[in-house]
Amino acid sequence: MTRIDWDEYKEHKKMSVRNDNFEKLIEFMKSYYNMHNPDELFETLKSDDIAEMMLSKRSITDSSKMEKFLERF
């Protein structure tokens, strides 16, 4: 399973034009890991404590909700 490189995320965050940290994280996961599949994204985020808190805050509890979030993204 992919582990989130938070140091690289912090560098990415400096260049992002998005305001929301979760959106920045999704943007980072798509660009740095080339991760576009909602199932893979959800499982990776769920396996990380910080990212899991971000998911909880947005009530994303499964990959179908992740997919709905990505549609608006």
Protein backbone atom coordinates (compact mmCIF):
# COMPACT_ATOMS: atom_id res chain seq x y z
CA MET A 1 0.00 0.00 0.00
CA THR A 2 1.13 3.53 -0.76
CA ARG A 3 2.18 5.69 2.17
CA ILE A 4 1.68 9.44 1.95
CA ASP A 5 4.94 11.37 1.85
CA TRP A 6 3.93 14.34 4.00
CA ASP A 7 7.20 16.20 3.35
CA GLU A 8 6.52 16.13 -0.40
CA TYR A 9 2.91 17.14 0.28
CA LYS A 10 4.12 20.20 2.19
CA GLU A 11 6.21 21.23 -0.82
CA HIS A 12 3.26 20.66 -3.14
CA LYS A 13 1.00 22.64 -0.82
CA LYS A 14 3.16 25.75 -1.30
CA MET A 15 2.40 25.76 -5.04
CA SER A 16 -1.28 24.82 -4.93
CA VAL A 17 -3.92 27.42 -5.66
CA ARG A 18 -6.61 25.53 -3.73
CA ASN A 19 -7.79 26.80 -0.34
CA ASP A 20 -8.84 23.52 1.26
CA ASN A 21 -6.10 21.22 2.63
CA PHE A 22 -8.04 18.08 1.72
CA GLU A 23 -8.40 19.26 -1.86
CA LYS A 24 -4.67 19.99 -1.87
CA LEU A 25 -4.04 16.46 -0.63
CA ILE A 26 -6.22 14.94 -3.36
CA GLU A 27 -4.46 17.10 -5.94
CA PHE A 28 -1.11 15.91 -4.55
CA MET A 29 -2.14 12.25 -4.62
CA LYS A 30 -3.23 12.60 -8.23
CA SER A 31 -0.07 14.33 -9.38
CA TYR A 32 2.65 12.77 -7.20
CA TYR A 33 1.37 9.19 -7.13
CA ASN A 34 -0.71 9.32 -10.34
CA MET A 35 -3.60 8.01 -8.27
CA HIS A 36 -7.00 8.62 -9.87
CA ASN A 37 -8.99 5.54 -8.88
CA PRO A 38 -11.46 6.40 -6.06
CA ASP A 39 -11.03 2.97 -4.44
CA GLU A 40 -7.26 3.27 -4.35
CA LEU A 41 -7.40 6.88 -3.15
CA PHE A 42 -9.85 6.05 -0.38
CA GLU A 43 -7.86 3.03 0.84
CA THR A 44 -4.61 4.99 0.87
CA LEU A 45 -6.15 7.93 2.73
CA LYS A 46 -7.95 5.62 5.17
CA SER A 47 -4.66 3.94 6.09
CA ASP A 48 -3.09 7.25 7.22
CA ASP A 49 -4.10 8.84 10.55
CA ILE A 50 -4.03 12.45 9.35
CA ALA A 51 -5.78 11.72 6.07
CA GLU A 52 -8.36 9.61 7.89
CA MET A 53 -9.27 12.64 10.02
CA MET A 54 -9.73 14.65 6.82
CA LEU A 55 -12.03 11.94 5.46
CA SER A 56 -14.05 11.88 8.68
CA LYS A 57 -14.45 15.65 8.67
CA ARG A 58 -16.07 15.36 5.25
CA SER A 59 -18.08 12.21 6.11
CA ILE A 60 -16.33 10.20 3.41
CA THR A 61 -16.71 6.67 4.75
CA ASP A 62 -16.32 4.58 1.63
CA SER A 63 -15.02 4.68 -1.92
CA SER A 64 -18.42 5.58 -3.40
CA LYS A 65 -18.48 8.79 -1.33
CA MET A 66 -14.89 9.40 -2.40
CA GLU A 67 -16.00 9.06 -6.01
CA LYS A 68 -18.79 11.60 -5.47
CA PHE A 69 -16.29 14.00 -3.91
CA LEU A 70 -13.96 13.56 -6.89
CA GLU A 71 -16.79 14.34 -9.32
CA ARG A 72 -17.13 17.78 -7.73
CA PHE A 73 -13.38 18.22 -7.55
